PDB file of N, CA and C in Angstrom:
ATOM      1  N   MET A   1     -11.899 -50.258 -65.499  1.00  0.00           N
ATOM      2  CA  MET A   1     -12.727 -49.046 -65.053  1.00  0.00           C
ATOM      3  C   MET A   1     -14.237 -48.967 -64.505  1.00  0.00           C
ATOM      4  N   LYS A   2     -14.432 -48.815 -63.581  1.00  0.00           N
ATOM      5  CA  LYS A   2     -15.749 -48.276 -63.459  1.00  0.00           C
ATOM      6  C   LYS A   2     -16.652 -47.245 -63.942  1.00  0.00           C
ATOM      7  N   ILE A   3     -18.151 -47.182 -63.923  1.00  0.00           N
ATOM      8  CA  ILE A   3     -18.940 -47.096 -65.669  1.00  0.00           C
ATOM      9  C   ILE A   3     -18.415 -45.321 -64.647  1.00  0.00           C
ATOM     10  N   LYS A   4     -18.370 -45.165 -62.890  1.00  0.00           N
ATOM     11  CA  LYS A   4     -18.572 -43.616 -62.833  1.00  0.00           C
ATOM     12  C   LYS A   4     -16.751 -42.842 -63.176  1.00  0.00           C
ATOM     13  N   GLU A   5     -15.966 -43.845 -62.972  1.00  0.00           N
ATOM     14  CA  GLU A   5     -14.338 -43.585 -63.803  1.00  0.00           C
ATOM     15  C   GLU A   5     -14.683 -43.301 -65.239  1.00  0.00           C
ATOM     16  N   PHE A   6     -14.996 -43.999 -65.672  1.00  0.00           N
ATOM     17  CA  PHE A   6     -15.326 -43.588 -67.464  1.00  0.00           C
ATOM     18  C   PHE A   6     -16.483 -42.254 -67.526  1.00  0.00           C
ATOM     19  N   GLN A   7     -17.327 -42.144 -66.891  1.00  0.00           N
ATOM     20  CA  GLN A   7     -17.352 -41.158 -66.729  1.00  0.00           C
ATOM     21  C   GLN A   7     -17.031 -39.610 -66.507  1.00  0.00           C
ATOM     22  N   GLU A   8     -15.864 -39.917 -66.010  1.00  0.00           N
ATOM     23  CA  GLU A   8     -15.551 -38.504 -65.581  1.00  0.00           C
ATOM     24  C   GLU A   8     -14.211 -38.424 -66.491  1.00  0.00           C
ATOM     25  N   LYS A   9     -13.903 -39.663 -66.804  1.00  0.00           N
ATOM     26  CA  LYS A   9     -12.771 -39.524 -68.182  1.00  0.00           C
ATOM     27  C   LYS A   9     -13.200 -38.870 -69.289  1.00  0.00           C
ATOM     28  N   ALA A  10     -14.506 -39.595 -69.252  1.00  0.00           N
ATOM     29  CA  ALA A  10     -15.100 -39.089 -70.799  1.00  0.00           C
ATOM     30  C   ALA A  10     -14.862 -37.605 -70.930  1.00  0.00           C
ATOM     31  N   ILE A  11     -15.677 -37.044 -69.711  1.00  0.00           N
ATOM     32  CA  ILE A  11     -16.491 -35.532 -69.423  1.00  0.00           C
ATOM     33  C   ILE A  11     -14.869 -34.920 -70.147  1.00  0.00           C
ATOM     34  N   LYS A  12     -13.967 -35.189 -68.776  1.00  0.00           N
ATOM     35  CA  LYS A  12     -12.398 -34.504 -69.121  1.00  0.00           C
ATOM     36  C   LYS A  12     -12.082 -34.645 -70.610  1.00  0.00           C
ATOM     37  N   VAL A  13     -12.392 -35.490 -71.404  1.00  0.00           N
ATOM     38  CA  VAL A  13     -11.598 -35.591 -72.476  1.00  0.00           C
ATOM     39  C   VAL A  13     -12.426 -34.665 -73.311  1.00  0.00           C
ATOM     40  N   VAL A  14     -13.902 -35.014 -73.311  1.00  0.00           N
ATOM     41  CA  VAL A  14     -14.373 -33.733 -74.401  1.00  0.00           C
ATOM     42  C   VAL A  14     -13.799 -32.401 -73.927  1.00  0.00           C
ATOM     43  N   ASN A  15     -14.090 -32.044 -72.636  1.00  0.00           N
ATOM     44  CA  ASN A  15     -13.730 -30.482 -72.148  1.00  0.00           C
ATOM     45  C   ASN A  15     -12.253 -30.256 -72.800  1.00  0.00           C
ATOM     46  N   ASN A  16     -11.548 -31.429 -73.049  1.00  0.00           N
ATOM     47  CA  ASN A  16     -10.168 -31.230 -73.348  1.00  0.00           C
ATOM     48  C   ASN A  16     -10.411 -30.590 -74.752  1.00  0.00           C
ATOM     49  N   ILE A  17     -10.976 -31.581 -75.432  1.00  0.00           N
ATOM     50  CA  ILE A  17     -11.119 -31.292 -76.987  1.00  0.00           C
ATOM     51  C   ILE A  17     -11.411 -30.001 -76.944  1.00  0.00           C
ATOM     52  N   ASP A  18     -12.462 -29.823 -76.443  1.00  0.00           N
ATOM     53  CA  ASP A  18     -13.587 -28.490 -76.758  1.00  0.00           C
ATOM     54  C   ASP A  18     -12.230 -27.410 -76.785  1.00  0.00           C
ATOM     55  N   SER A  19     -11.549 -27.582 -75.428  1.00  0.00           N
ATOM     56  CA  SER A  19     -10.784 -26.432 -75.320  1.00  0.00           C
ATOM     57  C   SER A  19      -9.487 -25.757 -76.481  1.00  0.00           C
ATOM     58  N   ILE A  20      -9.110 -27.287 -76.942  1.00  0.00           N
ATOM     59  CA  ILE A  20      -8.184 -26.938 -78.394  1.00  0.00           C
ATOM     60  C   ILE A  20      -8.865 -27.056 -79.484  1.00  0.00           C
ATOM     61  N   THR A  21     -10.371 -27.146 -79.641  1.00  0.00           N
ATOM     62  CA  THR A  21     -10.634 -26.831 -80.955  1.00  0.00           C
ATOM     63  C   THR A  21     -11.802 -25.411 -80.985  1.00  0.00           C
ATOM     64  N   GLY A  22     -11.762 -25.058 -80.058  1.00  0.00           N
ATOM     65  CA  GLY A  22     -12.443 -24.071 -79.534  1.00  0.00           C
ATOM     66  C   GLY A  22     -14.217 -23.881 -79.418  1.00  0.00           C
ATOM     67  N   ILE A  23     -14.748 -25.582 -79.662  1.00  0.00           N
ATOM     68  CA  ILE A  23     -16.137 -26.089 -79.691  1.00  0.00           C
ATOM     69  C   ILE A  23     -16.408 -25.700 -78.444  1.00  0.00           C
ATOM     70  N   ASN A  24     -17.671 -25.756 -78.024  1.00  0.00           N
ATOM     71  CA  ASN A  24     -18.228 -26.076 -76.527  1.00  0.00           C
ATOM     72  C   ASN A  24     -19.582 -26.672 -77.053  1.00  0.00           C
ATOM     73  N   HIS A  25     -19.161 -28.014 -76.418  1.00  0.00           N
ATOM     74  CA  HIS A  25     -20.385 -28.859 -76.348  1.00  0.00           C
ATOM     75  C   HIS A  25     -21.183 -28.523 -74.994  1.00  0.00           C
ATOM     76  N   ASP A  26     -22.106 -27.461 -74.985  1.00  0.00           N
ATOM     77  CA  ASP A  26     -23.135 -27.344 -74.114  1.00  0.00           C
ATOM     78  C   ASP A  26     -24.554 -28.774 -74.555  1.00  0.00           C
ATOM     79  N   LYS A  27     -25.403 -28.452 -73.812  1.00  0.00           N
ATOM     80  CA  LYS A  27     -26.302 -29.797 -73.914  1.00  0.00           C
ATOM     81  C   LYS A  27     -26.940 -29.808 -75.363  1.00  0.00           C
ATOM     82  N   GLU A  28     -27.026 -28.444 -76.166  1.00  0.00           N
ATOM     83  CA  GLU A  28     -27.709 -28.976 -77.068  1.00  0.00           C
ATOM     84  C   GLU A  28     -26.579 -29.206 -78.679  1.00  0.00           C
ATOM     85  N   THR A  29     -25.495 -28.653 -78.105  1.00  0.00           N
ATOM     86  CA  THR A  29     -24.084 -29.517 -79.307  1.00  0.00           C
ATOM     87  C   THR A  29     -23.696 -30.819 -78.928  1.00  0.00           C
ATOM     88  N   THR A  30     -24.019 -31.181 -78.017  1.00  0.00           N
ATOM     89  CA  THR A  30     -23.891 -32.392 -77.367  1.00  0.00           C
ATOM     90  C   THR A  30     -24.526 -33.306 -77.617  1.00  0.00           C
ATOM     91  N   PHE A  31     -25.776 -32.992 -77.752  1.00  0.00           N
ATOM     92  CA  PHE A  31     -26.660 -33.629 -78.393  1.00  0.00           C
ATOM     93  C   PHE A  31     -26.813 -34.129 -80.391  1.00  0.00           C
ATOM     94  N   MET A  32     -26.478 -33.012 -80.622  1.00  0.00           N
ATOM     95  CA  MET A  32     -26.411 -33.297 -82.061  1.00  0.00           C
ATOM     96  C   MET A  32     -25.408 -33.893 -82.579  1.00  0.00           C
ATOM     97  N   HIS A  33     -24.573 -33.787 -81.794  1.00  0.00           N
ATOM     98  CA  HIS A  33     -22.896 -34.632 -82.009  1.00  0.00           C
ATOM     99  C   HIS A  33     -23.013 -35.957 -81.505  1.00  0.00           C
ATOM    100  N   LEU A  34     -23.772 -36.219 -80.322  1.00  0.00           N
ATOM    101  CA  LEU A  34     -24.420 -37.506 -80.395  1.00  0.00           C
ATOM    102  C   LEU A  34     -25.345 -38.579 -82.001  1.00  0.00           C
ATOM    103  N   VAL A  35     -26.151 -37.235 -82.396  1.00  0.00           N
ATOM    104  CA  VAL A  35     -27.040 -38.126 -82.888  1.00  0.00           C
ATOM    105  C   VAL A  35     -26.468 -38.300 -84.384  1.00  0.00           C
ATOM    106  N   GLU A  36     -25.771 -37.241 -84.458  1.00  0.00           N
ATOM    107  CA  GLU A  36     -24.465 -37.355 -85.967  1.00  0.00           C
ATOM    108  C   GLU A  36     -23.535 -38.909 -85.559  1.00  0.00           C
ATOM    109  N   GLU A  37     -23.410 -39.153 -84.530  1.00  0.00           N
ATOM    110  CA  GLU A  37     -22.204 -40.226 -84.196  1.00  0.00           C
ATOM    111  C   GLU A  37     -22.959 -41.270 -84.195  1.00  0.00           C
ATOM    112  N   PHE A  38     -24.641 -41.465 -83.999  1.00  0.00           N
ATOM    113  CA  PHE A  38     -25.391 -42.662 -83.930  1.00  0.00           C
ATOM    114  C   PHE A  38     -25.863 -42.940 -85.438  1.00  0.00           C
ATOM    115  N   GLY A  39     -25.615 -41.687 -86.420  1.00  0.00           N
ATOM    116  CA  GLY A  39     -25.943 -41.609 -87.905  1.00  0.00           C
ATOM    117  C   GLY A  39     -24.706 -42.358 -88.269  1.00  0.00           C
ATOM    118  N   GLU A  40     -23.595 -42.331 -87.964  1.00  0.00           N
ATOM    119  CA  GLU A  40     -22.268 -42.858 -88.554  1.00  0.00           C
ATOM    120  C   GLU A  40     -22.339 -43.998 -88.227  1.00  0.00           C
ATOM    121  N   ILE A  41     -23.301 -44.591 -87.200  1.00  0.00           N
ATOM    122  CA  ILE A  41     -23.502 -46.268 -87.155  1.00  0.00           C
ATOM    123  C   ILE A  41     -23.917 -46.812 -87.971  1.00  0.00           C
ATOM    124  N   ALA A  42     -25.590 -46.134 -87.703  1.00  0.00           N
ATOM    125  CA  ALA A  42     -26.107 -46.419 -88.945  1.00  0.00           C
ATOM    126  C   ALA A  42     -25.524 -46.650 -90.175  1.00  0.00           C
ATOM    127  N   ARG A  43     -24.710 -45.915 -91.001  1.00  0.00           N
ATOM    128  CA  ARG A  43     -24.474 -45.878 -92.245  1.00  0.00           C
ATOM    129  C   ARG A  43     -23.578 -46.966 -91.969  1.00  0.00           C
ATOM    130  N   GLN A  44     -22.736 -47.496 -91.147  1.00  0.00           N
ATOM    131  CA  GLN A  44     -21.933 -48.759 -91.144  1.00  0.00           C
ATOM    132  C   GLN A  44     -23.146 -49.899 -91.310  1.00  0.00           C
ATOM    133  N   LEU A  45     -24.370 -49.987 -90.543  1.00  0.00           N
ATOM    134  CA  LEU A  45     -25.171 -51.098 -90.577  1.00  0.00           C
ATOM    135  C   LEU A  45     -25.856 -50.976 -91.659  1.00  0.00           C
ATOM    136  N   TYR A  46     -25.985 -50.044 -92.367  1.00  0.00           N
ATOM    137  CA  TYR A  46     -26.706 -49.885 -93.388  1.00  0.00           C
ATOM    138  C   TYR A  46     -26.004 -50.274 -94.954  1.00  0.00           C
ATOM    139  N   ASN A  47     -24.690 -49.816 -94.646  1.00  0.00           N
ATOM    140  CA  ASN A  47     -23.928 -50.020 -96.129  1.00  0.00           C
ATOM    141  C   ASN A  47     -24.070 -51.669 -95.795  1.00  0.00           C
ATOM    142  N   GLU A  48     -23.705 -52.440 -94.999  1.00  0.00           N
ATOM    143  CA  GLU A  48     -23.805 -53.712 -95.044  1.00  0.00           C
ATOM    144  C   GLU A  48     -24.999 -54.086 -95.494  1.00  0.00           C
ATOM    145  N   ARG A  49     -26.056 -53.769 -94.745  1.00  0.00           N
ATOM    146  CA  ARG A  49     -27.210 -54.470 -95.087  1.00  0.00           C
ATOM    147  C   ARG A  49     -27.424 -54.207 -96.663  1.00  0.00           C
ATOM    148  N   SER A  50     -26.915 -53.285 -97.215  1.00  0.00           N
ATOM    149  CA  SER A  50     -27.520 -53.015 -98.455  1.00  0.00           C
ATOM    150  C   SER A  50     -26.878 -53.473 -99.806  1.00  0.00           C
ATOM    151  N   GLY A  51     -25.679 -54.298 -98.661  1.00  0.00           N
ATOM    152  CA  GLY A  51     -24.601 -54.725-100.173  1.00  0.00           C
ATOM    153  C   GLY A  51     -23.695 -53.369-100.792  1.00  0.00           C
ATOM    154  N   ARG A  52     -23.724 -52.676 -99.995  1.00  0.00           N
ATOM    155  CA  ARG A  52     -22.683 -51.310-100.600  1.00  0.00           C
ATOM    156  C   ARG A  52     -21.423 -51.599 -99.976  1.00  0.00           C
ATOM    157  N   ASP A  53     -21.083 -52.247 -98.913  1.00  0.00           N
ATOM    158  CA  ASP A  53     -20.047 -52.107 -98.489  1.00  0.00           C
ATOM    159  C   ASP A  53     -19.996 -52.802 -96.906  1.00  0.00           C
ATOM    160  N   LYS A  54     -18.862 -53.607 -96.512  1.00  0.00           N
ATOM    161  CA  LYS A  54     -18.766 -54.162 -95.420  1.00  0.00           C
ATOM    162  C   LYS A  54     -18.579 -53.643 -94.307  1.00  0.00           C
ATOM    163  N   ILE A  55     -18.938 -53.371 -93.164  1.00  0.00           N
ATOM    164  CA  ILE A  55     -18.446 -52.948 -91.785  1.00  0.00           C
ATOM    165  C   ILE A  55     -17.096 -52.998 -91.362  1.00  0.00           C
ATOM    166  N   ASP A  56     -16.852 -51.878 -91.306  1.00  0.00           N
ATOM    167  CA  ASP A  56     -15.350 -51.918 -91.195  1.00  0.00           C
ATOM    168  C   ASP A  56     -15.325 -51.659 -89.527  1.00  0.00           C
ATOM    169  N   ILE A  57     -15.052 -52.625 -89.042  1.00  0.00           N
ATOM    170  CA  ILE A  57     -15.232 -53.086 -87.513  1.00  0.00           C
ATOM    171  C   ILE A  57     -14.164 -52.110 -86.585  1.00  0.00           C
ATOM    172  N   GLU A  58     -12.951 -51.496 -87.285  1.00  0.00           N
ATOM    173  CA  GLU A  58     -12.364 -50.784 -86.490  1.00  0.00           C
ATOM    174  C   GLU A  58     -12.920 -49.033 -86.261  1.00  0.00           C
ATOM    175  N   ASN A  59     -13.430 -49.139 -87.462  1.00  0.00           N
ATOM    176  CA  ASN A  59     -14.481 -47.555 -87.527  1.00  0.00           C
ATOM    177  C   ASN A  59     -15.416 -47.832 -86.583  1.00  0.00           C
ATOM    178  N   LEU A  60     -16.511 -49.024 -86.915  1.00  0.00           N
ATOM    179  CA  LEU A  60     -17.497 -49.237 -85.690  1.00  0.00           C
ATOM    180  C   LEU A  60     -17.287 -49.081 -84.223  1.00  0.00           C
ATOM    181  N   LYS A  61     -15.891 -49.495 -84.030  1.00  0.00           N
ATOM    182  CA  LYS A  61     -15.821 -49.586 -82.800  1.00  0.00           C
ATOM    183  C   LYS A  61     -15.271 -47.901 -81.873  1.00  0.00           C
ATOM    184  N   GLU A  62     -14.801 -47.421 -83.324  1.00  0.00           N
ATOM    185  CA  GLU A  62     -14.610 -45.806 -82.921  1.00  0.00           C
ATOM    186  C   GLU A  62     -15.560 -44.712 -82.968  1.00  0.00           C
ATOM    187  N   GLU A  63     -16.694 -45.363 -82.989  1.00  0.00           N
ATOM    188  CA  GLU A  63     -18.232 -44.581 -83.761  1.00  0.00           C
ATOM    189  C   GLU A  63     -19.004 -45.136 -81.935  1.00  0.00           C
ATOM    190  N   ILE A  64     -19.036 -46.236 -81.881  1.00  0.00           N
ATOM    191  CA  ILE A  64     -19.724 -46.892 -80.131  1.00  0.00           C
ATOM    192  C   ILE A  64     -18.775 -45.957 -79.378  1.00  0.00           C
ATOM    193  N   ALA A  65     -17.551 -45.585 -79.194  1.00  0.00           N
ATOM    194  CA  ALA A  65     -17.025 -45.222 -78.505  1.00  0.00           C
ATOM    195  C   ALA A  65     -17.360 -43.631 -78.446  1.00  0.00           C
ATOM    196  N   ASP A  66     -17.310 -43.206 -79.703  1.00  0.00           N
ATOM    197  CA  ASP A  66     -17.571 -41.718 -79.844  1.00  0.00           C
ATOM    198  C   ASP A  66     -19.347 -41.482 -79.031  1.00  0.00           C
ATOM    199  N   VAL A  67     -20.082 -42.382 -79.174  1.00  0.00           N
ATOM    200  CA  VAL A  67     -21.224 -42.743 -78.644  1.00  0.00           C
ATOM    201  C   VAL A  67     -21.410 -42.525 -76.990  1.00  0.00           C
ATOM    202  N   TYR A  68     -20.236 -43.503 -76.518  1.00  0.00           N
ATOM    203  CA  TYR A  68     -20.367 -42.999 -75.286  1.00  0.00           C
ATOM    204  C   TYR A  68     -19.814 -42.185 -74.482  1.00  0.00           C
ATOM    205  N   LEU A  69     -18.746 -41.857 -75.148  1.00  0.00           N
ATOM    206  CA  LEU A  69     -17.924 -40.012 -74.821  1.00  0.00           C
ATOM    207  C   LEU A  69     -19.531 -39.331 -74.621  1.00  0.00           C
ATOM    208  N   LEU A  70     -20.031 -39.215 -75.578  1.00  0.00           N
ATOM    209  CA  LEU A  70     -20.975 -38.050 -75.316  1.00  0.00           C
ATOM    210  C   LEU A  70     -21.979 -38.550 -74.336  1.00  0.00           C
ATOM    211  N   LEU A  71     -22.299 -39.710 -74.289  1.00  0.00           N
ATOM    212  CA  LEU A  71     -23.003 -40.053 -73.568  1.00  0.00           C
ATOM    213  C   LEU A  71     -23.004 -39.597 -72.342  1.00  0.00           C
ATOM    214  N   ALA A  72     -21.785 -40.009 -72.524  1.00  0.00           N
ATOM    215  CA  ALA A  72     -21.675 -39.565 -70.874  1.00  0.00           C
ATOM    216  C   ALA A  72     -21.296 -38.072 -70.101  1.00  0.00           C
ATOM    217  N   LYS A  73     -20.980 -36.946 -71.868  1.00  0.00           N
ATOM    218  CA  LYS A  73     -20.835 -35.794 -71.063  1.00  0.00           C
ATOM    219  C   LYS A  73     -22.493 -35.074 -71.500  1.00  0.00           C
ATOM    220  N   LEU A  74     -23.499 -35.852 -72.253  1.00  0.00           N
ATOM    221  CA  LEU A  74     -24.383 -35.125 -71.608  1.00  0.00           C
ATOM    222  C   LEU A  74     -25.515 -35.428 -70.406  1.00  0.00           C
ATOM    223  N   ALA A  75     -24.964 -36.864 -69.909  1.00  0.00           N
ATOM    224  CA  ALA A  75     -25.490 -37.344 -68.449  1.00  0.00           C
ATOM    225  C   ALA A  75     -25.080 -36.150 -67.752  1.00  0.00           C
ATOM    226  N   SER A  76     -23.985 -36.055 -67.943  1.00  0.00           N
ATOM    227  CA  SER A  76     -23.262 -34.670 -66.856  1.00  0.00           C
ATOM    228  C   SER A  76     -23.838 -33.394 -66.477  1.00  0.00           C
ATOM    229  N   PHE A  77     -24.479 -33.340 -67.685  1.00  0.00           N
ATOM    230  CA  PHE A  77     -25.281 -31.490 -67.363  1.00  0.00           C
ATOM    231  C   PHE A  77     -26.676 -31.859 -66.622  1.00  0.00           C
ATOM    232  N   TYR A  78     -27.032 -33.335 -66.595  1.00  0.00           N
ATOM    233  CA  TYR A  78     -28.298 -33.333 -66.091  1.00  0.00           C
ATOM    234  C   TYR A  78     -27.994 -33.884 -64.415  1.00  0.00           C
ATOM    235  N   LYS A  79     -26.501 -33.903 -64.214  1.00  0.00           N
ATOM    236  CA  LYS A  79     -25.930 -34.928 -63.293  1.00  0.00           C
ATOM    237  C   LYS A  79     -26.648 -36.263 -63.076  1.00  0.00           C
ATOM    238  N   ILE A  80     -26.620 -36.655 -64.064  1.00  0.00           N
ATOM    239  CA  ILE A  80     -26.915 -38.211 -64.107  1.00  0.00           C
ATOM    240  C   ILE A  80     -26.165 -39.264 -63.722  1.00  0.00           C
ATOM    241  N   ASP A  81     -25.768 -39.664 -62.795  1.00  0.00           N
ATOM    242  CA  ASP A  81     -24.468 -41.022 -62.152  1.00  0.00           C
ATOM    243  C   ASP A  81     -24.993 -41.637 -63.201  1.00  0.00           C
ATOM    244  N   LEU A  82     -23.950 -42.620 -64.764  1.00  0.00           N
ATOM    245  CA  LEU A  82     -24.382 -43.552 -65.472  1.00  0.00           C
ATOM    246  C   LEU A  82     -24.572 -44.902 -64.330  1.00  0.00           C
ATOM    247  N   GLU A  83     -23.455 -45.032 -63.656  1.00  0.00           N
ATOM    248  CA  GLU A  83     -23.478 -46.171 -63.209  1.00  0.00           C
ATOM    249  C   GLU A  83     -24.599 -46.210 -62.373  1.00  0.00           C
ATOM    250  N   GLU A  84     -24.971 -45.445 -61.203  1.00  0.00           N
ATOM    251  CA  GLU A  84     -26.300 -45.974 -60.372  1.00  0.00           C
ATOM    252  C   GLU A  84     -27.302 -46.146 -61.189  1.00  0.00           C
ATOM    253  N   ALA A  85     -27.283 -45.172 -62.543  1.00  0.00           N
ATOM    254  CA  ALA A  85     -28.677 -45.402 -63.653  1.00  0.00           C
ATOM    255  C   ALA A  85     -28.633 -46.594 -64.493  1.00  0.00           C
ATOM    256  N   ILE A  86     -27.959 -47.130 -64.521  1.00  0.00           N
ATOM    257  CA  ILE A  86     -27.710 -48.543 -65.380  1.00  0.00           C
ATOM    258  C   ILE A  86     -28.054 -49.688 -64.561  1.00  0.00           C
ATOM    259  N   ASN A  87     -27.587 -49.176 -63.248  1.00  0.00           N
ATOM    260  CA  ASN A  87     -27.609 -50.206 -62.202  1.00  0.00           C
ATOM    261  C   ASN A  87     -29.063 -50.341 -61.648  1.00  0.00           C
ATOM    262  N   LYS A  88     -29.651 -49.524 -61.807  1.00  0.00           N
ATOM    263  CA  LYS A  88     -31.553 -49.247 -61.570  1.00  0.00           C
ATOM    264  C   LYS A  88     -31.877 -50.010 -62.460  1.00  0.00           C
ATOM    265  N   LYS A  89     -31.693 -49.265 -63.901  1.00  0.00           N
ATOM    266  CA  LYS A  89     -32.201 -49.703 -65.109  1.00  0.00           C
ATOM    267  C   LYS A  89     -32.324 -51.068 -64.875  1.00  0.00           C
ATOM    268  N   ILE A  90     -31.441 -51.977 -64.610  1.00  0.00           N
ATOM    269  CA  ILE A  90     -31.046 -53.729 -64.729  1.00  0.00           C
ATOM    270  C   ILE A  90     -32.275 -54.077 -63.729  1.00  0.00           C
ATOM    271  N   LYS A  91     -32.107 -53.783 -62.589  1.00  0.00           N
ATOM    272  CA  LYS A  91     -32.894 -53.939 -61.481  1.00  0.00           C
ATOM    273  C   LYS A  91     -34.548 -53.990 -61.876  1.00  0.00           C
ATOM    274  N   ILE A  92     -34.744 -52.782 -62.965  1.00  0.00           N
ATOM    275  CA  ILE A  92     -36.395 -52.336 -63.498  1.00  0.00           C
ATOM    276  C   ILE A  92     -36.490 -53.435 -64.464  1.00  0.00           C
ATOM    277  N   LEU A  93     -35.356 -53.952 -65.055  1.00  0.00           N
ATOM    278  CA  LEU A  93     -35.737 -55.211 -66.101  1.00  0.00           C
ATOM    279  C   LEU A  93     -35.884 -56.474 -65.945  1.00  0.00           C
ATOM    280  N   GLU A  94     -35.401 -56.448 -64.561  1.00  0.00           N
ATOM    281  CA  GLU A  94     -34.748 -57.927 -63.936  1.00  0.00           C
ATOM    282  C   GLU A  94     -36.552 -58.407 -63.586  1.00  0.00           C
ATOM    283  N   LYS A  95     -37.200 -57.121 -62.602  1.00  0.00           N
ATOM    284  CA  LYS A  95     -38.477 -57.213 -62.102  1.00  0.00           C
ATOM    285  C   LYS A  95     -39.584 -57.159 -63.658  1.00  0.00           C
ATOM    286  N   ARG A  96     -38.995 -56.893 -64.282  1.00  0.00           N
ATOM    287  CA  ARG A  96     -40.272 -56.356 -65.349  1.00  0.00           C
ATOM    288  C   ARG A  96     -40.373 -57.987 -66.169  1.00  0.00           C
ATOM    289  N   HIS A  97     -39.009 -58.191 -66.152  1.00  0.00           N
ATOM    290  CA  HIS A  97     -38.890 -59.535 -67.065  1.00  0.00           C
ATOM    291  C   HIS A  97     -38.959 -61.118 -65.864  1.00  0.00           C
ATOM    292  N   ASN A  98     -38.952 -61.192 -64.566  1.00  0.00           N
ATOM    293  CA  ASN A  98     -39.238 -61.896 -63.845  1.00  0.00           C
ATOM    294  C   ASN A  98     -37.847 -63.109 -63.929  1.00  0.00           C
ATOM    295  N   THR A  99     -36.924 -62.151 -64.001  1.00  0.00           N
ATOM    296  CA  THR A  99     -35.787 -63.191 -64.054  1.00  0.00           C
ATOM    297  C   THR A  99     -34.333 -62.431 -63.383  1.00  0.00           C
ATOM    298  N   LYS A 100     -33.225 -62.780 -63.654  1.00  0.00           N
ATOM    299  CA  LYS A 100     -32.348 -62.227 -62.722  1.00  0.00           C
ATOM    300  C   LYS A 100     -30.901 -62.229 -63.744  1.00  0.00           C
ATOM    301  N   PHE A 101     -30.552 -61.426 -63.895  1.00  0.00           N
ATOM    302  CA  PHE A 101     -29.314 -61.173 -65.074  1.00  0.00           C
ATOM    303  C   PHE A 101     -27.938 -61.821 -64.495  1.00  0.00           C
ATOM    304  N   ASP A 102     -26.971 -63.040 -64.787  1.00  0.00           N
ATOM    305  CA  ASP A 102     -25.862 -62.858 -64.120  1.00  0.00           C
ATOM    306  C   ASP A 102     -25.043 -62.298 -65.434  1.00  0.00           C
ATOM    307  N   LEU A 103     -24.708 -61.410 -65.319  1.00  0.00           N
ATOM    308  CA  LEU A 103     -23.574 -59.899 -65.828  1.00  0.00           C
ATOM    309  C   LEU A 103     -22.514 -60.757 -65.926  1.00  0.00           C
ATOM    310  N   LYS A 104     -21.929 -61.689 -65.530  1.00  0.00           N
ATOM    311  CA  LYS A 104     -20.717 -62.702 -65.406  1.00  0.00           C
ATOM    312  C   LYS A 104     -20.356 -63.294 -66.486  1.00  0.00           C
ATOM    313  N   LYS A 105     -21.698 -63.767 -66.767  1.00  0.00           N
ATOM    314  CA  LYS A 105     -22.140 -65.205 -68.317  1.00  0.00           C
ATOM    315  C   LYS A 105     -22.302 -64.057 -69.019  1.00  0.00           C
ATOM    316  N   GLU A 106     -21.772 -64.500 -70.666  1.00  0.00           N
ATOM    317  CA  GLU A 106     -21.122 -63.883 -71.652  1.00  0.00           C
ATOM    318  C   GLU A 106     -22.283 -64.317 -72.349  1.00  0.00           C
ATOM    319  N   VAL A 107     -22.825 -63.126 -72.670  1.00  0.00           N
ATOM    320  CA  VAL A 107     -24.443 -63.257 -73.225  1.00  0.00           C
ATOM    321  C   VAL A 107     -23.863 -63.405 -74.862  1.00  0.00           C
ATOM    322  N   LYS A 108     -24.827 -64.354 -75.509  1.00  0.00           N
ATOM    323  CA  LYS A 108     -24.069 -64.616 -76.998  1.00  0.00           C
ATOM    324  C   LYS A 108     -25.469 -63.865 -78.132  1.00  0.00           C
TER     325      LYS A 108
END
């Protein structure tokens, strides 16, 4: 799925959930929810680092997906095309670091 398709689908998912739950993800609510989801990721990572618990990979996947969904929704409020923005940023980083990123190669 292209990033633009993902962004459109993510917005629909968040809007559909809002209509079911009665919550309204306006700009501020979306941002606060996004920060909350980052906090849930941080808790997973901190718990592993502190020795409290191992990372629950399935939960971590869900939390990261939540971040992507909410980020797409937040971008839509400002009419930001994430695909365009990401491609532009990659070009900026290539220029800044005097390199070409071969995105077909797996990064480890």
